[in-house]
Amino acid sequence: MSLAQIVEADMADSSGIAPKATLELLSRQVGGGQNLGFIPVNYKNYLRSKCTREMRVGDTGAC
């Protein structure tokens, strides 16, 4: 994922937009999913690692 895509994905996530809708938005901006430069699994992994990094002591880990 490019830095610009990461920033947009983070904004969408913090706004409460569903991951599937975020992928659709990013795809439309670049002219289709084939032009994204990553696959949906990469985005899912990014969200999971972001959640893990933000976890604090005592959190239950429900990401």
PDB file of N, CA and C in Angstrom:
ATOM      1  N   MET A   1       0.842  -1.178   0.000  1.00  0.00           N
ATOM      2  CA  MET A   1       0.000   0.000   0.000  1.00  0.00           C
ATOM      3  C   MET A   1       0.886   1.241   0.000  1.00  0.00           C
ATOM      4  N   SER A   2       0.473   2.235  -0.782  1.00  0.00           N
ATOM      5  CA  SER A   2       1.225   3.487  -0.798  1.00  0.00           C
ATOM      6  C   SER A   2       0.881   4.302   0.448  1.00  0.00           C
ATOM      7  N   LEU A   3       1.699   5.286   0.738  1.00  0.00           N
ATOM      8  CA  LEU A   3       1.472   6.136   1.898  1.00  0.00           C
ATOM      9  C   LEU A   3       0.127   6.855   1.784  1.00  0.00           C
ATOM     10  N   ALA A   4      -0.197   7.330   0.590  1.00  0.00           N
ATOM     11  CA  ALA A   4      -1.473   8.021   0.387  1.00  0.00           C
ATOM     12  C   ALA A   4      -2.650   7.082   0.646  1.00  0.00           C
ATOM     13  N   GLN A   5      -2.538   5.838   0.193  1.00  0.00           N
ATOM     14  CA  GLN A   5      -3.600   4.860   0.424  1.00  0.00           C
ATOM     15  C   GLN A   5      -3.729   4.539   1.915  1.00  0.00           C
ATOM     16  N   ILE A   6      -2.618   4.457   2.605  1.00  0.00           N
ATOM     17  CA  ILE A   6      -2.636   4.183   4.042  1.00  0.00           C
ATOM     18  C   ILE A   6      -3.332   5.310   4.786  1.00  0.00           C
ATOM     19  N   VAL A   7      -3.019   6.553   4.426  1.00  0.00           N
ATOM     20  CA  VAL A   7      -3.639   7.707   5.080  1.00  0.00           C
ATOM     21  C   VAL A   7      -5.144   7.701   4.837  1.00  0.00           C
ATOM     22  N   GLU A   8      -5.560   7.464   3.593  1.00  0.00           N
ATOM     23  CA  GLU A   8      -6.991   7.431   3.284  1.00  0.00           C
ATOM     24  C   GLU A   8      -7.686   6.285   3.995  1.00  0.00           C
ATOM     25  N   ALA A   9      -7.040   5.133   4.045  1.00  0.00           N
ATOM     26  CA  ALA A   9      -7.626   3.974   4.726  1.00  0.00           C
ATOM     27  C   ALA A   9      -7.755   4.241   6.222  1.00  0.00           C
ATOM     28  N   ASP A  10      -6.769   4.881   6.816  1.00  0.00           N
ATOM     29  CA  ASP A  10      -6.833   5.222   8.239  1.00  0.00           C
ATOM     30  C   ASP A  10      -7.973   6.204   8.516  1.00  0.00           C
ATOM     31  N   MET A  11      -8.132   7.195   7.653  1.00  0.00           N
ATOM     32  CA  MET A  11      -9.223   8.154   7.831  1.00  0.00           C
ATOM     33  C   MET A  11     -10.578   7.469   7.707  1.00  0.00           C
ATOM     34  N   ALA A  12     -10.707   6.589   6.733  1.00  0.00           N
ATOM     35  CA  ALA A  12     -11.966   5.871   6.557  1.00  0.00           C
ATOM     36  C   ALA A  12     -12.254   4.975   7.751  1.00  0.00           C
ATOM     37  N   ASP A  13     -11.228   4.296   8.247  1.00  0.00           N
ATOM     38  CA  ASP A  13     -11.389   3.408   9.402  1.00  0.00           C
ATOM     39  C   ASP A  13     -11.799   4.195  10.641  1.00  0.00           C
ATOM     40  N   SER A  14     -11.155   5.334  10.874  1.00  0.00           N
ATOM     41  CA  SER A  14     -11.493   6.138  12.052  1.00  0.00           C
ATOM     42  C   SER A  14     -12.863   6.795  11.917  1.00  0.00           C
ATOM     43  N   SER A  15     -13.362   6.921  10.691  1.00  0.00           N
ATOM     44  CA  SER A  15     -14.692   7.482  10.457  1.00  0.00           C
ATOM     45  C   SER A  15     -15.786   6.439  10.584  1.00  0.00           C
ATOM     46  N   GLY A  16     -15.388   5.183  10.713  1.00  0.00           N
ATOM     47  CA  GLY A  16     -16.374   4.123  10.861  1.00  0.00           C
ATOM     48  C   GLY A  16     -16.820   3.498   9.555  1.00  0.00           C
ATOM     49  N   ILE A  17     -16.131   3.788   8.480  1.00  0.00           N
ATOM     50  CA  ILE A  17     -16.477   3.197   7.189  1.00  0.00           C
ATOM     51  C   ILE A  17     -15.984   1.752   7.178  1.00  0.00           C
ATOM     52  N   ALA A  18     -16.827   0.848   6.721  1.00  0.00           N
ATOM     53  CA  ALA A  18     -16.497  -0.574   6.698  1.00  0.00           C
ATOM     54  C   ALA A  18     -15.314  -0.836   5.763  1.00  0.00           C
ATOM     55  N   PRO A  19     -14.495  -1.841   6.088  1.00  0.00           N
ATOM     56  CA  PRO A  19     -13.344  -2.155   5.232  1.00  0.00           C
ATOM     57  C   PRO A  19     -13.721  -2.431   3.779  1.00  0.00           C
ATOM     58  N   LYS A  20     -14.825  -3.102   3.547  1.00  0.00           N
ATOM     59  CA  LYS A  20     -15.245  -3.399   2.176  1.00  0.00           C
ATOM     60  C   LYS A  20     -15.556  -2.108   1.414  1.00  0.00           C
ATOM     61  N   ALA A  21     -16.210  -1.169   2.075  1.00  0.00           N
ATOM     62  CA  ALA A  21     -16.516   0.116   1.451  1.00  0.00           C
ATOM     63  C   ALA A  21     -15.244   0.925   1.211  1.00  0.00           C
ATOM     64  N   THR A  22     -14.295   0.826   2.122  1.00  0.00           N
ATOM     65  CA  THR A  22     -13.022   1.529   1.954  1.00  0.00           C
ATOM     66  C   THR A  22     -12.277   0.993   0.733  1.00  0.00           C
ATOM     67  N   LEU A  23     -12.261  -0.316   0.583  1.00  0.00           N
ATOM     68  CA  LEU A  23     -11.618  -0.905  -0.596  1.00  0.00           C
ATOM     69  C   LEU A  23     -12.301  -0.452  -1.882  1.00  0.00           C
ATOM     70  N   GLU A  24     -13.611  -0.372  -1.854  1.00  0.00           N
ATOM     71  CA  GLU A  24     -14.354   0.097  -3.027  1.00  0.00           C
ATOM     72  C   GLU A  24     -13.988   1.539  -3.352  1.00  0.00           C
ATOM     73  N   LEU A  25     -13.903   2.375  -2.329  1.00  0.00           N
ATOM     74  CA  LEU A  25     -13.521   3.778  -2.515  1.00  0.00           C
ATOM     75  C   LEU A  25     -12.122   3.884  -3.122  1.00  0.00           C
ATOM     76  N   LEU A  26     -11.165   3.188  -2.530  1.00  0.00           N
ATOM     77  CA  LEU A  26      -9.794   3.237  -3.040  1.00  0.00           C
ATOM     78  C   LEU A  26      -9.716   2.719  -4.470  1.00  0.00           C
ATOM     79  N   SER A  27     -10.470   1.676  -4.769  1.00  0.00           N
ATOM     80  CA  SER A  27     -10.483   1.111  -6.121  1.00  0.00           C
ATOM     81  C   SER A  27     -11.019   2.110  -7.137  1.00  0.00           C
ATOM     82  N   ARG A  28     -12.096   2.782  -6.786  1.00  0.00           N
ATOM     83  CA  ARG A  28     -12.693   3.759  -7.702  1.00  0.00           C
ATOM     84  C   ARG A  28     -11.758   4.935  -7.956  1.00  0.00           C
ATOM     85  N   GLN A  29     -10.984   5.312  -6.947  1.00  0.00           N
ATOM     86  CA  GLN A  29     -10.072   6.445  -7.105  1.00  0.00           C
ATOM     87  C   GLN A  29      -8.957   6.162  -8.099  1.00  0.00           C
ATOM     88  N   VAL A  30      -8.563   4.904  -8.223  1.00  0.00           N
ATOM     89  CA  VAL A  30      -7.454   4.569  -9.128  1.00  0.00           C
ATOM     90  C   VAL A  30      -7.928   3.896 -10.415  1.00  0.00           C
ATOM     91  N   GLY A  31      -9.227   3.824 -10.613  1.00  0.00           N
ATOM     92  CA  GLY A  31      -9.738   3.287 -11.859  1.00  0.00           C
ATOM     93  C   GLY A  31      -9.963   1.790 -11.858  1.00  0.00           C
ATOM     94  N   GLY A  32     -10.109   1.186 -10.702  1.00  0.00           N
ATOM     95  CA  GLY A  32     -10.411  -0.239 -10.617  1.00  0.00           C
ATOM     96  C   GLY A  32      -9.451  -0.980  -9.706  1.00  0.00           C
ATOM     97  N   GLY A  33      -9.918  -2.128  -9.233  1.00  0.00           N
ATOM     98  CA  GLY A  33      -9.135  -2.937  -8.303  1.00  0.00           C
ATOM     99  C   GLY A  33      -7.804  -3.404  -8.848  1.00  0.00           C
ATOM    100  N   GLN A  34      -7.729  -3.587 -10.158  1.00  0.00           N
ATOM    101  CA  GLN A  34      -6.484  -4.051 -10.756  1.00  0.00           C
ATOM    102  C   GLN A  34      -5.388  -2.985 -10.698  1.00  0.00           C
ATOM    103  N   ASN A  35      -5.768  -1.735 -10.447  1.00  0.00           N
ATOM    104  CA  ASN A  35      -4.801  -0.637 -10.377  1.00  0.00           C
ATOM    105  C   ASN A  35      -4.424  -0.251  -8.950  1.00  0.00           C
ATOM    106  N   LEU A  36      -4.965  -0.940  -7.954  1.00  0.00           N
ATOM    107  CA  LEU A  36      -4.703  -0.595  -6.561  1.00  0.00           C
ATOM    108  C   LEU A  36      -3.248  -0.787  -6.162  1.00  0.00           C
ATOM    109  N   GLY A  37      -2.638  -1.839  -6.622  1.00  0.00           N
ATOM    110  CA  GLY A  37      -1.267  -2.132  -6.223  1.00  0.00           C
ATOM    111  C   GLY A  37      -1.196  -3.065  -5.028  1.00  0.00           C
ATOM    112  N   PHE A  38      -2.334  -3.495  -4.531  1.00  0.00           N
ATOM    113  CA  PHE A  38      -2.385  -4.477  -3.448  1.00  0.00           C
ATOM    114  C   PHE A  38      -3.696  -5.241  -3.565  1.00  0.00           C
ATOM    115  N   ILE A  39      -3.770  -6.342  -2.838  1.00  0.00           N
ATOM    116  CA  ILE A  39      -4.979  -7.153  -2.854  1.00  0.00           C
ATOM    117  C   ILE A  39      -5.735  -6.966  -1.533  1.00  0.00           C
ATOM    118  N   PRO A  40      -7.016  -7.297  -1.503  1.00  0.00           N
ATOM    119  CA  PRO A  40      -7.802  -7.106  -0.279  1.00  0.00           C
ATOM    120  C   PRO A  40      -7.202  -7.764   0.963  1.00  0.00           C
ATOM    121  N   VAL A  41      -6.527  -8.875   0.807  1.00  0.00           N
ATOM    122  CA  VAL A  41      -5.902  -9.540   1.956  1.00  0.00           C
ATOM    123  C   VAL A  41      -4.825  -8.642   2.564  1.00  0.00           C
ATOM    124  N   ASN A  42      -4.092  -7.910   1.735  1.00  0.00           N
ATOM    125  CA  ASN A  42      -3.077  -6.981   2.246  1.00  0.00           C
ATOM    126  C   ASN A  42      -3.722  -5.908   3.116  1.00  0.00           C
ATOM    127  N   TYR A  43      -4.880  -5.418   2.685  1.00  0.00           N
ATOM    128  CA  TYR A  43      -5.591  -4.397   3.458  1.00  0.00           C
ATOM    129  C   TYR A  43      -6.070  -4.963   4.789  1.00  0.00           C
ATOM    130  N   LYS A  44      -6.603  -6.164   4.745  1.00  0.00           N
ATOM    131  CA  LYS A  44      -7.060  -6.822   5.978  1.00  0.00           C
ATOM    132  C   LYS A  44      -5.886  -7.008   6.942  1.00  0.00           C
ATOM    133  N   ASN A  45      -4.752  -7.431   6.433  1.00  0.00           N
ATOM    134  CA  ASN A  45      -3.559  -7.603   7.269  1.00  0.00           C
ATOM    135  C   ASN A  45      -3.083  -6.265   7.836  1.00  0.00           C
ATOM    136  N   TYR A  46      -3.169  -5.219   7.035  1.00  0.00           N
ATOM    137  CA  TYR A  46      -2.785  -3.891   7.512  1.00  0.00           C
ATOM    138  C   TYR A  46      -3.663  -3.475   8.688  1.00  0.00           C
ATOM    139  N   LEU A  47      -4.982  -3.663   8.560  1.00  0.00           N
ATOM    140  CA  LEU A  47      -5.893  -3.294   9.646  1.00  0.00           C
ATOM    141  C   LEU A  47      -5.604  -4.094  10.911  1.00  0.00           C
ATOM    142  N   ARG A  48      -5.329  -5.382  10.740  1.00  0.00           N
ATOM    143  CA  ARG A  48      -5.039  -6.219  11.901  1.00  0.00           C
ATOM    144  C   ARG A  48      -3.748  -5.774  12.586  1.00  0.00           C
ATOM    145  N   SER A  49      -2.704  -5.487  11.825  1.00  0.00           N
ATOM    146  CA  SER A  49      -1.436  -5.067  12.428  1.00  0.00           C
ATOM    147  C   SER A  49      -1.572  -3.697  13.072  1.00  0.00           C
ATOM    148  N   LYS A  50      -2.376  -2.807  12.474  1.00  0.00           N
ATOM    149  CA  LYS A  50      -2.628  -1.496  13.061  1.00  0.00           C
ATOM    150  C   LYS A  50      -3.316  -1.655  14.411  1.00  0.00           C
ATOM    151  N   CYS A  51      -4.293  -2.521  14.471  1.00  0.00           N
ATOM    152  CA  CYS A  51      -5.011  -2.765  15.722  1.00  0.00           C
ATOM    153  C   CYS A  51      -4.067  -3.325  16.784  1.00  0.00           C
ATOM    154  N   THR A  52      -3.204  -4.233  16.378  1.00  0.00           N
ATOM    155  CA  THR A  52      -2.255  -4.845  17.312  1.00  0.00           C
ATOM    156  C   THR A  52      -1.277  -3.801  17.849  1.00  0.00           C
ATOM    157  N   ARG A  53      -0.809  -2.904  16.993  1.00  0.00           N
ATOM    158  CA  ARG A  53       0.123  -1.851  17.422  1.00  0.00           C
ATOM    159  C   ARG A  53      -0.532  -0.897  18.414  1.00  0.00           C
ATOM    160  N   GLU A  54      -1.827  -0.645  18.244  1.00  0.00           N
ATOM    161  CA  GLU A  54      -2.526   0.307  19.099  1.00  0.00           C
ATOM    162  C   GLU A  54      -3.009  -0.314  20.403  1.00  0.00           C
ATOM    163  N   MET A  55      -2.845  -1.619  20.560  1.00  0.00           N
ATOM    164  CA  MET A  55      -3.316  -2.303  21.750  1.00  0.00           C
ATOM    165  C   MET A  55      -2.512  -1.882  22.978  1.00  0.00           C
ATOM    166  N   ARG A  56      -3.194  -1.732  24.067  1.00  0.00           N
ATOM    167  CA  ARG A  56      -2.563  -1.353  25.333  1.00  0.00           C
ATOM    168  C   ARG A  56      -2.670  -2.494  26.322  1.00  0.00           C
ATOM    169  N   VAL A  57      -1.888  -2.438  27.369  1.00  0.00           N
ATOM    170  CA  VAL A  57      -1.921  -3.462  28.418  1.00  0.00           C
ATOM    171  C   VAL A  57      -3.332  -3.515  28.995  1.00  0.00           C
ATOM    172  N   GLY A  58      -3.875  -4.694  29.076  1.00  0.00           N
ATOM    173  CA  GLY A  58      -5.210  -4.887  29.628  1.00  0.00           C
ATOM    174  C   GLY A  58      -6.303  -4.952  28.582  1.00  0.00           C
ATOM    175  N   ASP A  59      -6.004  -4.604  27.326  1.00  0.00           N
ATOM    176  CA  ASP A  59      -7.003  -4.715  26.256  1.00  0.00           C
ATOM    177  C   ASP A  59      -7.277  -6.187  25.993  1.00  0.00           C
ATOM    178  N   THR A  60      -8.488  -6.489  25.595  1.00  0.00           N
ATOM    179  CA  THR A  60      -8.867  -7.878  25.383  1.00  0.00           C
ATOM    180  C   THR A  60      -8.393  -8.409  24.041  1.00  0.00           C
ATOM    181  N   GLY A  61      -8.032  -7.548  23.131  1.00  0.00           N
ATOM    182  CA  GLY A  61      -7.535  -8.002  21.842  1.00  0.00           C
ATOM    183  C   GLY A  61      -8.612  -8.216  20.813  1.00  0.00           C
ATOM    184  N   ALA A  62      -9.810  -7.706  21.043  1.00  0.00           N
ATOM    185  CA  ALA A  62     -10.895  -7.867  20.084  1.00  0.00           C
ATOM    186  C   ALA A  62     -10.777  -6.790  19.003  1.00  0.00           C
ATOM    187  N   CYS A  63     -10.122  -7.146  17.910  1.00  0.00           N
ATOM    188  CA  CYS A  63      -9.946  -6.196  16.805  1.00  0.00           C
ATOM    189  C   CYS A  63     -10.903  -6.508  15.683  1.00  0.00           C
TER     190      CYS A  63
END
